[in-house]
Amino acid sequence: QVRLVESGGGLVQPGGSLRLSCAASGFTFSHYDMSWYRQAPGKERELVARIASGGSTSYGDSVKGRFTISRDNAKNTVYLQMNSLKPEDTAAYYCYRPIGGYWGQGTQVTVSS
């Protein structure tokens, strides 16, 4: 069955960096677009970034120029490199496969001094 497992979250100071990973299994990873979403307390879940099966990328306005999504099809993994982190980036981050609507369990990112 489809499984998405996020890792790499944690506590970081403002201006710092983190790299999130999402390990996928149960499907032919290279054939599918993948996305990262986030949800802060009391807010709706929002799209952070998306990468197509062919490698093209798109980003939410709030993270453009700071976050980079990438994928390694040999490792069945999608990454989210987050730089210049701000307190407003604090949220649970989720990996998502749009086709079929599969979510990971999420990983918490907290940006605080």
C-alpha atoms as a PDB file:
ATOM      1  CA  GLN A   1       0.000   0.000   0.000  1.00  0.00           C
ATOM      2  CA  VAL A   2       1.026   3.611  -0.435  1.00  0.00           C
ATOM      3  CA  ARG A   3       3.128   4.882   2.428  1.00  0.00           C
ATOM      4  CA  LEU A   4       4.688   8.327   2.914  1.00  0.00           C
ATOM      5  CA  VAL A   5       7.014   8.897   5.880  1.00  0.00           C
ATOM      6  CA  GLU A   6       8.327  12.365   6.663  1.00  0.00           C
ATOM      7  CA  SER A   7      11.441  13.138   8.676  1.00  0.00           C
ATOM      8  CA  GLY A   8      13.795  16.025   9.389  1.00  0.00           C
ATOM      9  CA  GLY A   9      11.620  18.375  11.388  1.00  0.00           C
ATOM     10  CA  GLY A  10      12.726  20.033  14.595  1.00  0.00           C
ATOM     11  CA  LEU A  11      13.438  23.284  16.394  1.00  0.00           C
ATOM     12  CA  VAL A  12      15.497  25.899  14.557  1.00  0.00           C
ATOM     13  CA  GLN A  13      16.308  29.548  15.165  1.00  0.00           C
ATOM     14  CA  PRO A  14      15.028  32.264  12.839  1.00  0.00           C
ATOM     15  CA  GLY A  15      17.250  32.519   9.800  1.00  0.00           C
ATOM     16  CA  GLY A  16      18.249  28.889  10.063  1.00  0.00           C
ATOM     17  CA  SER A  17      17.753  25.961   7.698  1.00  0.00           C
ATOM     18  CA  LEU A  18      16.213  22.503   7.755  1.00  0.00           C
ATOM     19  CA  ARG A  19      15.804  19.778   5.167  1.00  0.00           C
ATOM     20  CA  LEU A  20      12.718  17.624   5.279  1.00  0.00           C
ATOM     21  CA  SER A  21      12.573  14.209   3.650  1.00  0.00           C
ATOM     22  CA  CYS A  22       9.609  12.105   2.594  1.00  0.00           C
ATOM     23  CA  ALA A  23      10.294   8.439   1.917  1.00  0.00           C
ATOM     24  CA  ALA A  24       7.688   6.886  -0.352  1.00  0.00           C
ATOM     25  CA  SER A  25       6.805   3.238  -0.842  1.00  0.00           C
ATOM     26  CA  GLY A  26       4.069   1.084  -2.319  1.00  0.00           C
ATOM     27  CA  PHE A  27       3.966   2.719  -5.738  1.00  0.00           C
ATOM     28  CA  THR A  28       6.175   3.656  -8.695  1.00  0.00           C
ATOM     29  CA  PHE A  29       7.445   6.908  -7.233  1.00  0.00           C
ATOM     30  CA  SER A  30       8.948   8.336 -10.413  1.00  0.00           C
ATOM     31  CA  HIS A  31       5.546   8.348 -12.134  1.00  0.00           C
ATOM     32  CA  TYR A  32       3.842  10.708  -9.689  1.00  0.00           C
ATOM     33  CA  ASP A  33       3.782  14.393  -8.839  1.00  0.00           C
ATOM     34  CA  MET A  34       4.501  15.013  -5.152  1.00  0.00           C
ATOM     35  CA  SER A  35       3.772  17.938  -2.850  1.00  0.00           C
ATOM     36  CA  TRP A  36       4.555  19.404   0.539  1.00  0.00           C
ATOM     37  CA  TYR A  37       1.817  21.055   2.575  1.00  0.00           C
ATOM     38  CA  ARG A  38       1.896  22.657   6.003  1.00  0.00           C
ATOM     39  CA  GLN A  39      -0.624  23.453   8.694  1.00  0.00           C
ATOM     40  CA  ALA A  40      -0.128  25.863  11.549  1.00  0.00           C
ATOM     41  CA  PRO A  41      -2.358  25.780  14.653  1.00  0.00           C
ATOM     42  CA  GLY A  42      -5.714  27.373  13.924  1.00  0.00           C
ATOM     43  CA  LYS A  43      -4.993  27.730  10.218  1.00  0.00           C
ATOM     44  CA  GLU A  44      -5.953  25.802   7.115  1.00  0.00           C
ATOM     45  CA  ARG A  45      -3.524  23.428   5.474  1.00  0.00           C
ATOM     46  CA  GLU A  46      -1.659  25.231   2.697  1.00  0.00           C
ATOM     47  CA  LEU A  47       0.398  24.155  -0.295  1.00  0.00           C
ATOM     48  CA  VAL A  48       4.113  24.795   0.188  1.00  0.00           C
ATOM     49  CA  ALA A  49       5.620  23.271  -2.936  1.00  0.00           C
ATOM     50  CA  ARG A  50       4.943  20.774  -5.672  1.00  0.00           C
ATOM     51  CA  ILE A  51       7.219  18.809  -7.970  1.00  0.00           C
ATOM     52  CA  ALA A  52       5.992  17.074 -11.086  1.00  0.00           C
ATOM     53  CA  SER A  53       7.083  13.623 -12.152  1.00  0.00           C
ATOM     54  CA  GLY A  54       9.187  15.324 -14.807  1.00  0.00           C
ATOM     55  CA  GLY A  55      10.843  17.600 -12.254  1.00  0.00           C
ATOM     56  CA  SER A  56       9.136  20.953 -12.790  1.00  0.00           C
ATOM     57  CA  THR A  57       8.405  22.793  -9.565  1.00  0.00           C
ATOM     58  CA  SER A  58       6.002  25.356  -8.144  1.00  0.00           C
ATOM     59  CA  TYR A  59       5.837  27.138  -4.780  1.00  0.00           C
ATOM     60  CA  GLY A  60       3.473  28.946  -2.498  1.00  0.00           C
ATOM     61  CA  ASP A  61       4.006  32.704  -2.474  1.00  0.00           C
ATOM     62  CA  SER A  62       5.110  32.757   1.159  1.00  0.00           C
ATOM     63  CA  VAL A  63       8.084  30.434   0.560  1.00  0.00           C
ATOM     64  CA  LYS A  64       9.277  31.445  -2.913  1.00  0.00           C
ATOM     65  CA  GLY A  65      13.005  32.119  -2.942  1.00  0.00           C
ATOM     66  CA  ARG A  66      13.538  30.435   0.433  1.00  0.00           C
ATOM     67  CA  PHE A  67      12.371  26.824  -0.006  1.00  0.00           C
ATOM     68  CA  THR A  68      13.409  24.293  -2.635  1.00  0.00           C
ATOM     69  CA  ILE A  69      11.626  21.051  -3.440  1.00  0.00           C
ATOM     70  CA  SER A  70      13.522  18.225  -5.108  1.00  0.00           C
ATOM     71  CA  ARG A  71      13.235  14.507  -5.655  1.00  0.00           C
ATOM     72  CA  ASP A  72      15.514  11.501  -5.925  1.00  0.00           C
ATOM     73  CA  ASN A  73      13.681   8.823  -7.868  1.00  0.00           C
ATOM     74  CA  ALA A  74      16.415   6.268  -7.152  1.00  0.00           C
ATOM     75  CA  LYS A  75      15.724   6.688  -3.434  1.00  0.00           C
ATOM     76  CA  ASN A  76      11.943   7.142  -3.753  1.00  0.00           C
ATOM     77  CA  THR A  77      12.307  10.327  -1.741  1.00  0.00           C
ATOM     78  CA  VAL A  78      11.119  13.910  -2.047  1.00  0.00           C
ATOM     79  CA  TYR A  79      12.902  16.677  -0.159  1.00  0.00           C
ATOM     80  CA  LEU A  80      12.096  20.165   1.035  1.00  0.00           C
ATOM     81  CA  GLN A  81      15.117  22.374   1.688  1.00  0.00           C
ATOM     82  CA  MET A  82      14.035  25.283   3.863  1.00  0.00           C
ATOM     83  CA  ASN A  83      16.333  28.290   4.229  1.00  0.00           C
ATOM     84  CA  SER A  84      15.955  31.679   5.909  1.00  0.00           C
ATOM     85  CA  LEU A  85      13.297  30.245   8.173  1.00  0.00           C
ATOM     86  CA  LYS A  86      10.882  32.598   9.908  1.00  0.00           C
ATOM     87  CA  PRO A  87       8.687  32.106  12.985  1.00  0.00           C
ATOM     88  CA  GLU A  88       5.656  32.100  10.671  1.00  0.00           C
ATOM     89  CA  ASP A  89       7.026  28.950   9.019  1.00  0.00           C
ATOM     90  CA  THR A  90       6.233  27.074  12.231  1.00  0.00           C
ATOM     91  CA  ALA A  91       3.803  24.300  11.303  1.00  0.00           C
ATOM     92  CA  ALA A  92       3.351  20.604  10.824  1.00  0.00           C
ATOM     93  CA  TYR A  93       4.672  19.724   7.358  1.00  0.00           C
ATOM     94  CA  TYR A  94       3.044  16.959   5.348  1.00  0.00           C
ATOM     95  CA  CYS A  95       4.074  15.018   2.293  1.00  0.00           C
ATOM     96  CA  TYR A  96       1.234  14.462  -0.196  1.00  0.00           C
ATOM     97  CA  ARG A  97       0.629  12.475  -3.354  1.00  0.00           C
ATOM     98  CA  PRO A  98      -2.120  14.306  -5.235  1.00  0.00           C
ATOM     99  CA  ILE A  99      -3.277  11.341  -7.305  1.00  0.00           C
ATOM    100  CA  GLY A 100      -5.243   9.241  -4.882  1.00  0.00           C
ATOM    101  CA  GLY A 101      -4.929  11.828  -2.095  1.00  0.00           C
ATOM    102  CA  TYR A 102      -2.317  10.134   0.088  1.00  0.00           C
ATOM    103  CA  TRP A 103      -0.837  11.948   3.100  1.00  0.00           C
ATOM    104  CA  GLY A 104       2.104  11.274   5.351  1.00  0.00           C
ATOM    105  CA  GLN A 105       1.845  11.555   9.129  1.00  0.00           C
ATOM    106  CA  GLY A 106       3.603  14.920   9.228  1.00  0.00           C
ATOM    107  CA  THR A 107       6.723  16.323  10.842  1.00  0.00           C
ATOM    108  CA  GLN A 108       6.778  19.362  13.113  1.00  0.00           C
ATOM    109  CA  VAL A 109       8.912  22.400  12.298  1.00  0.00           C
ATOM    110  CA  THR A 110       9.263  25.064  14.976  1.00  0.00           C
ATOM    111  CA  VAL A 111      11.123  28.293  14.263  1.00  0.00           C
ATOM    112  CA  SER A 112      11.883  30.129  17.479  1.00  0.00           C
ATOM    113  CA  SER A 113      14.711  31.795  19.322  1.00  0.00           C
END
